[in-house]
Amino acid sequence: MTSLSLKSNHRINKNNRKLAVLPFRNIGSENGSDYFSDGLTEEIIIRLSRIKELEIASRNTSMRYKNSELDIATLGRELKARYILQGTVRKHDSDLRISTELIDVEKDSGLWAEIYNGKMADVFEIQEKVSKKIVKSLQLRLSTKEKIALSKSGTMNSTAFDANLRAREFLFRYTKSYLLLAIDLFQKALDIDPKYAAAYAGMSEACAMLYETHDKSNLLWLEQSEQSALKALIYDPSSSEAYSALGLTYVNKGSLDEALTSVQKAISFDPNNFFAYWIRGRLYRMKDRDSEAVIDFNKVLELNGGFHSAYGDLQMSYEKLEDKENLQETTQRAASFYPDYLLHNPEDARAYQFYAFTLERLDRRKEAKIEMGKGVDINPNDQIIIYNAACFYALIGDKTASIENLKKAIDNGFGNYEYMKHDPDLYSLKNEPDFIKLMHGK
């Protein structure tokens, strides 16, 4: 296994017991199998997070360093971590080969390196072995409760585990096709293991997002979201993801106080749950508490810099607060973020569109039109993508293109007429005969 290079000119406080698990590198032959190596990284982080004596860098913090070229000393300094765990994953069909190495940054030396060969069914045993090896190497004292927790897994079925990881790969892509695919995969995991709390939590998130973004006429999605979150909490009462999903469900039901209570619980169980901060930020904005909302949206980007929806939310809150300085700074940050993000995520249609809105704010209209076009080309029949295009063209004064896209969005199932009537992005269309005709009787 190839290690990142070490440098001897950096030392970290020897009393520091923080460990960072770097994203395991996928070296398998299967296309798109990063979902598994990323998921394995997250599972090991979750196990180690149960140990009080050990401070663990959050999953979202660690994921920022995926494919990083930084040396170990620099990584240790940036992550404020004395120990670094890195590894590789080779997955082919049901065969697994996982290599791991634990490095003491302060001593510039590897504590141990191991290679684990096995089948998919062995993945839980491998996770447990790696976790216990770290505990032994760092001479950590575990309570009986921690020993039990270290061996605990959300499911013991490797096929259900794999389906859940695949589903989460698609969860935040937001298009209808990806959300439906995620729901199918979560259901597959639950069909195999009906007590799999993480899959219920994921199902709840997916159904709530599908209702919110694509199918507000179908209340069954909200019902399924609520039921799935409650089932998750039956099997894991401390599931942060279940509480944040429940919060999103209550937002869409208009039960804002219940939503706030749920996301507060989500954050109490996992202070690194970026999704919970995002929902709470939206709740604060809905309650005209934008000064608190911006704190949460900035926290989202701190925890998960790839969750770019928060850039748009931040800009809207700063606009409402009339905070021109922070609005400009956030817009510049977004403009710097999107090119690299899109280089690594070229299929994210929403990101192209958000980038277009950002460029328009910076008076770079020609570039903005190009990026908006790219987003539409990727998903030309997705109602939200088309609706976003309608908003963009309304904002830049191209009313004809805006009306055309609005009609197409409606034809493709976008039926939230109350939202359209009050969307500030569409204010320039209010007196347009075609817009009035579209809204008539709705």
Protein backbone atom coordinates (compact mmCIF):
# COMPACT_ATOMS: atom_id res chain seq x y z
CA MET A 1 0.00 0.00 0.00
CA THR A 2 1.34 3.43 -0.97
CA SER A 3 1.46 5.89 1.92
CA LEU A 4 1.25 9.63 1.72
CA SER A 5 4.66 11.15 2.27
CA LEU A 6 5.76 12.19 5.77
CA LYS A 7 7.68 15.31 6.68
CA SER A 8 9.69 15.67 9.84
CA ASN A 9 9.49 19.44 10.23
CA HIS A 10 6.11 19.45 11.96
CA ARG A 11 5.14 18.37 15.44
CA ILE A 12 1.74 18.17 17.07
CA ASN A 13 1.08 18.38 20.81
CA LYS A 14 1.80 14.89 22.16
CA ASN A 15 -1.28 15.13 24.37
CA ASN A 16 -3.45 15.44 21.28
CA ARG A 17 -5.53 12.25 20.84
CA LYS A 18 -7.47 13.34 17.79
CA LEU A 19 -7.68 10.88 14.89
CA ALA A 20 -8.71 11.62 11.31
CA VAL A 21 -9.89 8.84 9.02
CA LEU A 22 -9.02 9.88 5.48
CA PRO A 23 -11.41 8.78 2.73
CA PHE A 24 -10.38 5.27 1.69
CA ARG A 25 -9.12 5.28 -1.87
CA ASN A 26 -11.05 3.16 -4.35
CA ILE A 27 -8.68 1.10 -6.47
CA GLY A 28 -11.30 -1.38 -7.68
CA SER A 29 -12.16 -2.11 -11.28
CA GLU A 30 -15.87 -1.37 -10.84
CA ASN A 31 -16.94 1.98 -12.28
CA GLY A 32 -18.67 4.23 -9.80
CA SER A 33 -17.68 2.13 -6.81
CA ASP A 34 -16.49 5.14 -4.79
CA TYR A 35 -19.82 4.86 -2.98
CA PHE A 36 -18.47 1.76 -1.23
CA SER A 37 -15.05 3.12 -0.24
CA ASP A 38 -16.69 6.35 0.98
CA GLY A 39 -19.29 4.35 2.88
CA LEU A 40 -16.64 2.16 4.49
CA THR A 41 -14.80 5.29 5.64
CA GLU A 42 -17.99 6.65 7.19
CA GLU A 43 -18.78 3.38 8.99
CA ILE A 44 -15.33 3.27 10.60
CA ILE A 45 -15.71 6.91 11.68
CA ILE A 46 -19.08 6.11 13.24
CA ARG A 47 -17.63 3.17 15.19
CA LEU A 48 -14.66 5.16 16.49
CA SER A 49 -16.85 8.14 17.39
CA ARG A 50 -18.40 6.01 20.13
CA ILE A 51 -15.14 6.10 22.12
CA LYS A 52 -14.99 8.99 24.61
CA GLU A 53 -11.19 8.95 25.00
CA LEU A 54 -10.71 9.50 21.28
CA GLU A 55 -11.58 12.65 19.35
CA ILE A 56 -12.55 11.90 15.76
CA ALA A 57 -12.59 14.33 12.84
CA SER A 58 -16.11 14.35 11.39
CA ARG A 59 -16.94 12.44 8.25
CA ASN A 60 -17.64 15.63 6.31
CA THR A 61 -14.37 17.20 7.45
CA SER A 62 -12.40 14.12 6.41
CA MET A 63 -14.16 13.93 3.04
CA ARG A 64 -12.75 17.33 2.10
CA TYR A 65 -9.37 15.61 1.78
CA LYS A 66 -10.49 12.95 -0.66
CA ASN A 67 -7.76 12.50 -3.30
CA SER A 68 -5.66 15.10 -1.49
CA GLU A 69 -2.04 15.49 -2.54
CA LEU A 70 -1.04 17.06 0.79
CA ASP A 71 1.63 15.34 2.87
CA ILE A 72 0.73 13.75 6.19
CA ALA A 73 2.28 16.54 8.30
CA THR A 74 0.22 19.18 6.52
CA LEU A 75 -2.92 17.07 6.81
CA GLY A 76 -2.28 16.59 10.51
CA ARG A 77 -1.86 20.32 10.97
CA GLU A 78 -4.99 21.25 8.99
CA LEU A 79 -7.10 18.59 10.73
CA LYS A 80 -5.45 19.26 14.13
CA ALA A 81 -5.02 15.49 14.35
CA ARG A 82 -2.14 13.52 15.85
CA TYR A 83 -3.20 10.25 14.18
CA ILE A 84 -4.17 9.58 10.57
CA LEU A 85 -5.85 6.40 9.32
CA GLN A 86 -5.67 5.92 5.58
CA GLY A 87 -6.53 2.98 3.38
CA THR A 88 -7.48 1.55 0.01
CA VAL A 89 -10.43 -0.59 -1.08
CA ARG A 90 -10.50 -3.04 -3.95
CA LYS A 91 -14.00 -4.40 -4.56
CA HIS A 92 -14.78 -6.79 -7.40
CA ASP A 93 -18.14 -8.56 -7.37
CA SER A 94 -18.24 -10.12 -3.88
CA ASP A 95 -14.45 -10.04 -3.33
CA LEU A 96 -12.88 -7.44 -1.03
CA ARG A 97 -9.32 -6.37 -0.38
CA ILE A 98 -8.92 -3.60 2.20
CA SER A 99 -5.55 -2.13 3.14
CA THR A 100 -5.18 0.16 6.17
CA GLU A 101 -2.37 2.12 7.79
CA LEU A 102 -2.36 4.08 11.06
CA ILE A 103 0.17 6.92 11.25
CA ASP A 104 1.39 8.86 14.28
CA VAL A 105 1.91 12.35 12.85
CA GLU A 106 3.80 13.60 15.90
CA LYS A 107 6.40 10.84 15.58
CA ASP A 108 6.37 10.81 11.76
CA SER A 109 5.94 7.04 11.78
CA GLY A 110 3.49 4.34 10.90
CA LEU A 111 2.09 2.48 13.92
CA TRP A 112 0.85 -0.44 11.86
CA ALA A 113 -0.37 -1.51 8.44
CA GLU A 114 -2.70 -4.39 7.63
CA ILE A 115 -4.25 -6.00 4.55
CA TYR A 116 -7.63 -7.72 4.87
CA ASN A 117 -8.86 -10.11 2.19
CA GLY A 118 -12.38 -11.50 2.19
CA LYS A 119 -15.87 -11.45 0.77
CA MET A 120 -18.54 -8.76 1.04
CA ALA A 121 -20.05 -10.74 3.92
CA ASP A 122 -16.80 -10.11 5.86
CA VAL A 123 -17.03 -6.31 5.67
CA PHE A 124 -18.47 -5.92 9.19
CA GLU A 125 -15.80 -8.14 10.72
CA ILE A 126 -13.11 -6.12 8.92
CA GLN A 127 -14.55 -2.82 10.21
CA GLU A 128 -14.54 -4.22 13.74
CA LYS A 129 -10.97 -5.52 13.43
CA VAL A 130 -9.68 -2.14 12.20
CA SER A 131 -11.47 -0.29 15.02
CA LYS A 132 -10.17 -2.67 17.70
CA LYS A 133 -6.64 -2.51 16.28
CA ILE A 134 -6.72 1.29 16.65
CA VAL A 135 -7.97 1.00 20.24
CA LYS A 136 -5.16 -1.41 21.08
CA SER A 137 -2.46 0.66 19.36
CA LEU A 138 -3.48 3.85 21.16
CA GLN A 139 -3.92 1.98 24.47
CA LEU A 140 -7.43 3.31 24.96
CA ARG A 141 -9.48 2.22 27.96
CA LEU A 142 -13.02 1.28 26.95
CA SER A 143 -16.05 0.98 29.16
CA THR A 144 -18.26 -2.09 28.79
CA LYS A 145 -20.77 0.06 26.93
CA GLU A 146 -18.09 1.29 24.51
CA LYS A 147 -16.86 -2.25 23.87
CA ILE A 148 -20.38 -3.29 22.91
CA ALA A 149 -20.88 -0.16 20.79
CA LEU A 150 -17.59 -0.75 18.96
CA SER A 151 -18.91 -4.09 17.74
CA LYS A 152 -22.34 -2.73 16.88
CA SER A 153 -23.39 -2.47 13.24
CA GLY A 154 -26.60 -1.07 11.78
CA THR A 155 -27.09 -4.30 9.87
CA MET A 156 -25.27 -7.60 9.63
CA ASN A 157 -26.41 -8.24 6.07
CA SER A 158 -23.79 -7.16 3.54
CA THR A 159 -26.31 -6.91 0.66
CA ALA A 160 -28.53 -4.58 2.69
CA PHE A 161 -25.44 -2.59 3.69
CA ASP A 162 -24.39 -2.24 0.04
CA ALA A 163 -27.89 -1.17 -1.07
CA ASN A 164 -28.00 1.50 1.65
CA LEU A 165 -24.61 2.88 0.58
CA ARG A 166 -25.69 2.96 -3.08
CA ALA A 167 -28.88 4.79 -2.13
CA ARG A 168 -27.00 7.47 -0.21
CA GLU A 169 -24.81 8.09 -3.26
CA PHE A 170 -27.92 9.35 -5.10
CA LEU A 171 -29.78 10.99 -2.21
CA PHE A 172 -28.58 14.58 -2.54
CA ARG A 173 -28.59 14.81 -6.32
CA TYR A 174 -32.21 16.00 -6.00
CA THR A 175 -33.49 15.14 -9.47
CA LYS A 176 -36.64 13.03 -9.53
CA SER A 177 -34.98 10.06 -11.22
CA TYR A 178 -32.16 9.93 -8.65
CA LEU A 179 -34.52 10.30 -5.69
CA LEU A 180 -36.71 7.47 -7.00
CA LEU A 181 -33.62 5.35 -7.50
CA ALA A 182 -32.53 6.08 -3.92
CA ILE A 183 -35.99 5.11 -2.63
CA ASP A 184 -35.84 1.81 -4.55
CA LEU A 185 -32.42 1.03 -3.07
CA PHE A 186 -33.44 1.94 0.48
CA GLN A 187 -36.47 -0.32 0.04
CA LYS A 188 -34.21 -3.12 -1.17
CA ALA A 189 -32.12 -2.74 1.99
CA LEU A 190 -35.26 -2.81 4.15
CA ASP A 191 -36.71 -5.82 2.35
CA ILE A 192 -33.54 -7.69 3.29
CA ASP A 193 -33.26 -6.27 6.83
CA PRO A 194 -36.57 -4.85 8.15
CA LYS A 195 -34.82 -3.51 11.29
CA TYR A 196 -32.17 -1.43 9.49
CA ALA A 197 -32.52 2.01 11.12
CA ALA A 198 -30.12 3.84 8.78
CA ALA A 199 -32.07 2.68 5.72
CA TYR A 200 -35.36 3.85 7.28
CA ALA A 201 -33.77 7.26 7.99
CA GLY A 202 -32.52 7.48 4.41
CA MET A 203 -35.94 6.47 3.08
CA SER A 204 -37.49 9.25 5.16
CA GLU A 205 -35.07 11.84 3.76
CA ALA A 206 -35.62 10.71 0.17
CA CYS A 207 -39.43 10.72 0.41
CA ALA A 208 -39.51 14.15 2.07
CA MET A 209 -37.20 15.60 -0.59
CA LEU A 210 -39.22 14.01 -3.40
CA TYR A 211 -42.40 15.57 -2.01
CA GLU A 212 -40.78 18.96 -1.48
CA THR A 213 -39.04 19.27 -4.82
CA HIS A 214 -41.08 17.21 -7.27
CA ASP A 215 -44.46 15.91 -6.14
CA LYS A 216 -46.32 18.20 -3.72
CA SER A 217 -49.64 16.85 -4.99
CA ASN A 218 -48.92 13.43 -3.50
CA LEU A 219 -49.23 13.46 0.29
CA LEU A 220 -48.31 9.78 0.39
CA TRP A 221 -44.63 10.77 0.15
CA LEU A 222 -44.97 12.80 3.34
CA GLU A 223 -46.77 9.95 5.10
CA GLN A 224 -44.08 7.49 4.07
CA SER A 225 -41.38 9.92 5.17
CA GLU A 226 -42.89 10.33 8.64
CA GLN A 227 -43.51 6.61 9.10
CA SER A 228 -39.97 5.74 7.98
CA ALA A 229 -38.38 8.24 10.39
CA LEU A 230 -40.44 6.91 13.30
CA LYS A 231 -39.49 3.33 12.42
CA ALA A 232 -35.83 4.34 12.34
CA LEU A 233 -36.22 5.74 15.85
CA ILE A 234 -37.79 2.49 17.05
CA TYR A 235 -34.67 0.56 16.04
CA ASP A 236 -32.19 3.35 16.89
CA PRO A 237 -33.63 5.97 19.30
CA SER A 238 -30.48 8.09 18.97
CA SER A 239 -30.51 8.29 15.17
CA SER A 240 -29.59 11.87 14.28
CA GLU A 241 -30.46 11.24 10.62
CA ALA A 242 -33.97 10.08 11.55
CA TYR A 243 -34.61 13.24 13.57
CA SER A 244 -33.34 15.55 10.80
CA ALA A 245 -35.48 13.68 8.24
CA LEU A 246 -38.46 14.04 10.57
CA GLY A 247 -37.68 17.75 10.76
CA LEU A 248 -37.86 18.06 6.96
CA THR A 249 -41.16 16.17 7.00
CA TYR A 250 -42.63 18.58 9.55
CA VAL A 251 -41.38 21.57 7.52
CA ASN A 252 -43.39 20.30 4.57
CA LYS A 253 -46.43 19.67 6.77
CA GLY A 254 -46.24 23.26 8.00
CA SER A 255 -45.55 22.13 11.58
CA LEU A 256 -42.61 24.47 12.11
CA ASP A 257 -42.35 24.17 15.90
CA GLU A 258 -42.28 20.36 15.69
CA ALA A 259 -39.72 20.61 12.90
CA LEU A 260 -37.46 22.80 15.03
CA THR A 261 -37.72 20.40 17.98
CA SER A 262 -36.75 17.48 15.72
CA VAL A 263 -33.68 19.14 14.22
CA GLN A 264 -32.54 20.32 17.66
CA LYS A 265 -32.60 16.66 18.73
CA ALA A 266 -30.74 15.68 15.57
CA ILE A 267 -27.97 18.15 16.38
CA SER A 268 -27.81 17.03 20.02
CA PHE A 269 -27.20 13.42 18.91
CA ASP A 270 -24.73 14.41 16.18
CA PRO A 271 -23.24 17.94 16.22
CA ASN A 272 -21.78 17.20 12.76
CA ASN A 273 -25.11 16.50 11.03
CA PHE A 274 -24.90 19.16 8.30
CA PHE A 275 -28.39 18.32 7.01
CA ALA A 276 -29.92 19.18 10.39
CA TYR A 277 -28.21 22.60 10.39
CA TRP A 278 -29.46 23.20 6.85
CA ILE A 279 -33.07 22.47 7.82
CA ARG A 280 -32.77 24.59 10.97
CA GLY A 281 -31.34 27.44 8.90
CA ARG A 282 -34.32 27.24 6.57
CA LEU A 283 -36.66 27.24 9.57
CA TYR A 284 -34.98 30.34 10.96
CA ARG A 285 -35.35 32.04 7.59
CA MET A 286 -39.05 31.12 7.47
CA LYS A 287 -39.43 32.64 10.94
CA ASP A 288 -37.64 35.86 9.83
CA ARG A 289 -34.64 34.99 12.01
CA ASP A 290 -32.11 35.42 9.23
CA SER A 291 -29.28 36.50 11.52
CA GLU A 292 -29.47 33.00 13.06
CA ALA A 293 -30.04 31.34 9.70
CA VAL A 294 -26.73 32.59 8.30
CA ILE A 295 -24.88 31.00 11.25
CA ASP A 296 -26.42 27.62 10.42
CA PHE A 297 -25.86 27.91 6.66
CA ASN A 298 -22.20 28.76 7.25
CA LYS A 299 -22.01 25.75 9.58
CA VAL A 300 -23.38 23.57 6.77
CA LEU A 301 -20.55 24.66 4.46
CA GLU A 302 -18.02 24.19 7.26
CA LEU A 303 -19.17 20.60 7.80
CA ASN A 304 -19.86 19.69 4.18
CA GLY A 305 -18.37 22.05 1.63
CA GLY A 306 -19.87 20.02 -1.20
CA PHE A 307 -23.47 20.70 -0.13
CA HIS A 308 -23.69 23.74 -2.36
CA SER A 309 -27.39 24.49 -1.77
CA ALA A 310 -26.25 26.40 1.31
CA TYR A 311 -24.56 29.03 -0.86
CA GLY A 312 -27.91 30.02 -2.35
CA ASP A 313 -29.56 30.02 1.08
CA LEU A 314 -26.81 32.22 2.48
CA GLN A 315 -27.14 34.70 -0.35
CA MET A 316 -30.90 34.97 0.18
CA SER A 317 -30.50 35.55 3.92
CA TYR A 318 -27.76 38.15 3.46
CA GLU A 319 -29.97 39.91 0.89
CA LYS A 320 -32.83 40.04 3.38
CA LEU A 321 -30.48 41.34 6.08
CA GLU A 322 -29.17 43.91 3.57
CA ASP A 323 -25.67 42.74 4.48
CA LYS A 324 -23.96 43.71 1.24
CA GLU A 325 -20.44 42.91 2.43
CA ASN A 326 -21.20 39.30 3.40
CA LEU A 327 -23.45 38.86 0.37
CA GLN A 328 -20.59 39.83 -1.93
CA GLU A 329 -18.11 37.64 -0.04
CA THR A 330 -20.45 34.62 -0.19
CA THR A 331 -21.13 35.15 -3.89
CA GLN A 332 -17.38 35.28 -4.58
CA ARG A 333 -16.88 32.09 -2.51
CA ALA A 334 -19.58 30.34 -4.54
CA ALA A 335 -18.06 31.52 -7.82
CA SER A 336 -14.71 30.07 -6.74
CA PHE A 337 -16.30 26.82 -5.53
CA TYR A 338 -18.39 25.73 -8.51
CA PRO A 339 -15.76 25.29 -11.29
CA ASP A 340 -13.78 22.71 -9.31
CA TYR A 341 -16.94 21.06 -7.97
CA LEU A 342 -18.39 20.70 -11.48
CA LEU A 343 -15.09 19.33 -12.74
CA HIS A 344 -15.51 16.43 -10.31
CA ASN A 345 -19.34 16.27 -10.50
CA PRO A 346 -20.16 16.94 -14.17
CA GLU A 347 -23.63 15.36 -13.92
CA ASP A 348 -24.95 17.68 -11.19
CA ALA A 349 -27.47 19.72 -13.19
CA ARG A 350 -28.53 21.82 -10.18
CA ALA A 351 -24.93 22.87 -9.56
CA TYR A 352 -24.65 24.29 -13.09
CA GLN A 353 -27.83 26.25 -12.46
CA PHE A 354 -26.73 27.54 -9.06
CA TYR A 355 -23.45 28.54 -10.65
CA ALA A 356 -25.43 30.42 -13.31
CA PHE A 357 -27.36 32.37 -10.65
CA THR A 358 -24.06 33.16 -8.92
CA LEU A 359 -22.47 34.43 -12.13
CA GLU A 360 -25.51 36.60 -12.82
CA ARG A 361 -25.08 38.22 -9.40
CA LEU A 362 -21.54 39.09 -10.45
CA ASP A 363 -22.76 40.62 -13.76
CA ARG A 364 -21.20 37.80 -15.78
CA ARG A 365 -24.36 37.19 -17.79
CA LYS A 366 -22.84 35.60 -20.88
CA GLU A 367 -21.15 32.92 -18.78
CA ALA A 368 -24.31 32.55 -16.67
CA LYS A 369 -26.41 31.71 -19.73
CA ILE A 370 -23.91 29.05 -20.79
CA GLU A 371 -23.94 27.36 -17.36
CA MET A 372 -27.74 27.47 -17.17
CA GLY A 373 -27.90 25.80 -20.57
CA LYS A 374 -25.56 23.04 -19.43
CA GLY A 375 -27.80 22.28 -16.45
CA VAL A 376 -30.92 22.05 -18.63
CA ASP A 377 -29.14 19.88 -21.20
CA ILE A 378 -28.26 17.31 -18.52
CA ASN A 379 -31.85 16.96 -17.29
CA PRO A 380 -34.13 18.52 -19.93
CA ASN A 381 -37.34 16.99 -18.55
CA ASP A 382 -36.84 17.37 -14.82
CA GLN A 383 -39.52 19.77 -13.56
CA ILE A 384 -37.30 21.46 -10.97
CA ILE A 385 -34.44 21.95 -13.43
CA ILE A 386 -36.85 23.51 -15.94
CA TYR A 387 -38.51 25.65 -13.27
CA ASN A 388 -35.09 26.95 -12.16
CA ALA A 389 -34.43 27.88 -15.78
CA ALA A 390 -37.73 29.78 -15.89
CA CYS A 391 -36.69 31.74 -12.79
CA PHE A 392 -33.27 32.51 -14.27
CA TYR A 393 -34.67 33.87 -17.53
CA ALA A 394 -37.24 35.95 -15.65
CA LEU A 395 -34.46 37.50 -13.58
CA ILE A 396 -32.41 38.47 -16.63
CA GLY A 397 -35.47 39.90 -18.40
CA ASP A 398 -35.98 37.22 -21.05
CA LYS A 399 -39.71 36.83 -20.42
CA THR A 400 -40.36 34.71 -23.52
CA ALA A 401 -37.81 32.06 -22.50
CA SER A 402 -39.07 32.20 -18.93
CA ILE A 403 -42.72 31.55 -19.93
CA GLU A 404 -41.66 28.73 -22.27
CA ASN A 405 -39.75 26.98 -19.49
CA LEU A 406 -42.56 27.59 -17.00
CA LYS A 407 -45.06 25.93 -19.34
CA LYS A 408 -42.70 23.00 -19.82
CA ALA A 409 -42.16 22.66 -16.05
CA ILE A 410 -45.94 22.52 -15.53
CA ASP A 411 -46.33 19.99 -18.37
CA ASN A 412 -43.69 17.85 -16.64
CA GLY A 413 -45.56 17.85 -13.33
CA PHE A 414 -44.62 21.06 -11.49
CA GLY A 415 -47.93 21.98 -9.87
CA ASN A 416 -47.10 24.28 -6.95
CA TYR A 417 -49.04 27.26 -8.27
CA GLU A 418 -49.12 29.13 -4.96
CA TYR A 419 -45.32 29.04 -4.89
CA MET A 420 -45.14 30.29 -8.48
CA LYS A 421 -47.52 33.18 -7.73
CA HIS A 422 -45.35 34.38 -4.84
CA ASP A 423 -41.86 33.46 -6.08
CA PRO A 424 -39.89 36.75 -6.15
CA ASP A 425 -37.83 35.38 -9.05
CA LEU A 426 -40.98 35.52 -11.21
CA TYR A 427 -42.19 38.99 -10.18
CA SER A 428 -41.30 40.40 -13.60
CA LEU A 429 -43.95 38.08 -15.15
CA LYS A 430 -46.88 39.18 -12.98
CA ASN A 431 -48.44 41.39 -15.66
CA GLU A 432 -47.62 39.14 -18.60
CA PRO A 433 -50.80 37.78 -20.30
CA ASP A 434 -49.27 34.31 -20.72
CA PHE A 435 -48.33 34.14 -17.01
CA ILE A 436 -51.79 35.34 -15.94
CA LYS A 437 -53.33 32.68 -18.20
CA LEU A 438 -51.14 29.95 -16.67
CA MET A 439 -52.15 30.97 -13.16
CA HIS A 440 -55.86 31.49 -13.91
CA GLY A 441 -58.07 29.40 -11.69
CA LYS A 442 -55.12 27.82 -9.90
